Amino acid sequence: MMAKDILISIENEVAKHQEHLIQVRSVIIDQSISNYPIFVFQKPSQAILGSKIIDAAASTDRWSIFITHLEELYHKKIILEDKLEDFQFQYKNNNDKYCILLIENIDEYSFVFTPMEI
């Protein structure tokens, strides 16, 4: 998929599962698990981060969606110590958006902030 197509695909999935994503995000924050919940969008054949909340079979474009948080990504060295403050700053400046870790393949991933449509 091209980058634009991937972003459209993610936005479609967010819209489709909006209520569930808001609920999961709220639980992570309200139960003091983390102030930095992160959704992981990845294809089924890739490595797993976090806990699965939506199976690829329920996704139009075959995305599996997991929930994780900053602390887990830091512990697994996906977010390195020298980038931790930058990440927290970006997250807080986008607190009205979902933070998504997009894993396109095992060596290629990126963070995306997409609006919460309430």
Protein backbone atom coordinates (compact mmCIF):
# COMPACT_ATOMS: atom_id res chain seq x y z
CA MET A 1 0.00 0.00 0.00
CA MET A 2 1.08 3.55 -0.65
CA ALA A 3 1.46 5.87 2.36
CA LYS A 4 -1.73 7.81 1.56
CA ASP A 5 -3.69 4.56 1.15
CA ILE A 6 -2.38 3.28 4.48
CA LEU A 7 -3.46 6.46 6.29
CA ILE A 8 -6.92 6.27 4.71
CA SER A 9 -7.15 2.63 5.70
CA ILE A 10 -6.21 3.44 9.32
CA GLU A 11 -8.71 6.30 9.48
CA ASN A 12 -11.43 3.96 8.17
CA GLU A 13 -10.60 1.39 10.86
CA VAL A 14 -10.59 4.06 13.57
CA ALA A 15 -14.02 5.26 12.43
CA LYS A 16 -15.37 1.69 12.27
CA HIS A 17 -14.18 0.82 15.80
CA GLN A 18 -14.46 4.30 17.34
CA GLU A 19 -16.53 3.40 20.39
CA HIS A 20 -14.34 0.42 21.31
CA LEU A 21 -11.09 2.38 20.88
CA ILE A 22 -12.32 5.20 23.10
CA GLN A 23 -13.36 2.69 25.75
CA VAL A 24 -10.02 0.85 25.72
CA ARG A 25 -8.06 4.11 25.81
CA SER A 26 -10.12 5.32 28.77
CA VAL A 27 -9.54 2.10 30.72
CA ILE A 28 -5.76 2.38 30.28
CA ILE A 29 -5.79 5.95 31.61
CA ASP A 30 -8.53 5.60 34.27
CA GLN A 31 -6.96 2.49 35.83
CA SER A 32 -3.59 4.29 36.00
CA ILE A 33 -1.95 1.71 33.75
CA SER A 34 -0.45 4.52 31.69
CA ASN A 35 -1.04 8.11 30.65
CA TYR A 36 0.24 7.16 27.20
CA PRO A 37 -1.97 4.50 25.59
CA ILE A 38 -0.84 3.53 22.10
CA PHE A 39 -2.73 1.53 19.49
CA VAL A 40 -0.66 -0.80 17.34
CA PHE A 41 -1.89 -1.40 13.80
CA GLN A 42 -0.18 -4.31 12.09
CA LYS A 43 -0.83 -7.08 9.63
CA PRO A 44 -1.47 -10.54 11.10
CA SER A 45 1.87 -12.11 10.12
CA GLN A 46 3.99 -9.64 12.09
CA ALA A 47 5.35 -9.62 15.63
CA ILE A 48 2.89 -8.77 18.38
CA LEU A 49 3.14 -5.83 20.77
CA GLY A 50 0.57 -5.28 23.49
CA SER A 51 -2.80 -7.00 23.81
CA LYS A 52 -4.99 -7.71 20.81
CA ILE A 53 -8.28 -5.81 20.87
CA ILE A 54 -9.42 -6.26 17.25
CA ASP A 55 -8.62 -9.24 15.07
CA ALA A 56 -7.72 -8.83 11.41
CA ALA A 57 -10.84 -10.82 10.49
CA ALA A 58 -12.95 -7.88 11.78
CA SER A 59 -10.92 -5.39 9.74
CA THR A 60 -11.69 -4.34 6.19
CA ASP A 61 -7.99 -4.06 5.28
CA ARG A 62 -6.79 -6.96 7.46
CA TRP A 63 -5.28 -4.88 10.28
CA SER A 64 -4.91 -6.45 13.68
CA ILE A 65 -5.19 -3.79 16.37
CA PHE A 66 -3.44 -4.06 19.72
CA ILE A 67 -3.25 -1.78 22.73
CA THR A 68 0.03 -1.00 24.44
CA HIS A 69 1.54 1.99 26.18
CA LEU A 70 4.69 4.06 26.33
CA GLU A 71 6.16 2.13 29.24
CA GLU A 72 6.03 -1.19 27.37
CA LEU A 73 7.57 0.33 24.24
CA TYR A 74 10.32 1.88 26.35
CA HIS A 75 10.96 -1.41 28.14
CA LYS A 76 11.19 -3.25 24.79
CA LYS A 77 13.54 -0.53 23.47
CA ILE A 78 11.21 0.57 20.69
CA ILE A 79 11.30 4.05 22.17
CA LEU A 80 14.83 4.76 23.28
CA GLU A 81 15.76 6.76 26.36
CA ASP A 82 17.13 9.70 24.36
CA LYS A 83 13.74 9.98 22.53
CA LEU A 84 11.51 9.51 25.58
CA GLU A 85 11.00 13.20 26.42
CA ASP A 86 10.39 14.09 22.76
CA PHE A 87 7.77 11.36 22.51
CA GLN A 88 6.02 12.49 25.70
CA PHE A 89 6.01 16.08 24.42
CA GLN A 90 4.48 15.04 21.08
CA TYR A 91 1.92 12.84 22.81
CA LYS A 92 0.76 15.61 25.17
CA ASN A 93 0.51 18.07 22.25
CA ASN A 94 -1.75 15.58 20.47
CA ASN A 95 -3.88 14.53 23.44
CA ASP A 96 -7.07 14.91 21.38
CA LYS A 97 -5.83 12.26 18.96
CA TYR A 98 -5.16 8.53 19.00
CA CYS A 99 -1.50 7.61 19.06
CA ILE A 100 -0.94 4.75 16.62
CA LEU A 101 2.17 2.71 16.10
CA LEU A 102 1.94 1.55 12.51
CA ILE A 103 3.98 -1.55 11.76
CA GLU A 104 4.22 -2.10 8.04
CA ASN A 105 6.85 -4.81 8.29
CA ILE A 106 9.26 -6.06 10.93
CA ASP A 107 11.86 -3.36 10.16
CA GLU A 108 9.56 -0.49 9.26
CA TYR A 109 7.31 1.30 11.72
CA SER A 110 6.12 4.81 12.43
CA PHE A 111 3.97 6.74 14.85
CA VAL A 112 0.82 8.41 13.59
CA PHE A 113 -1.60 10.67 15.44
CA THR A 114 -5.13 10.52 14.09
CA PRO A 115 -8.14 12.53 15.37
CA MET A 116 -10.65 11.04 17.75
CA GLU A 117 -14.07 11.52 16.25
CA ILE A 118 -16.44 11.83 19.21
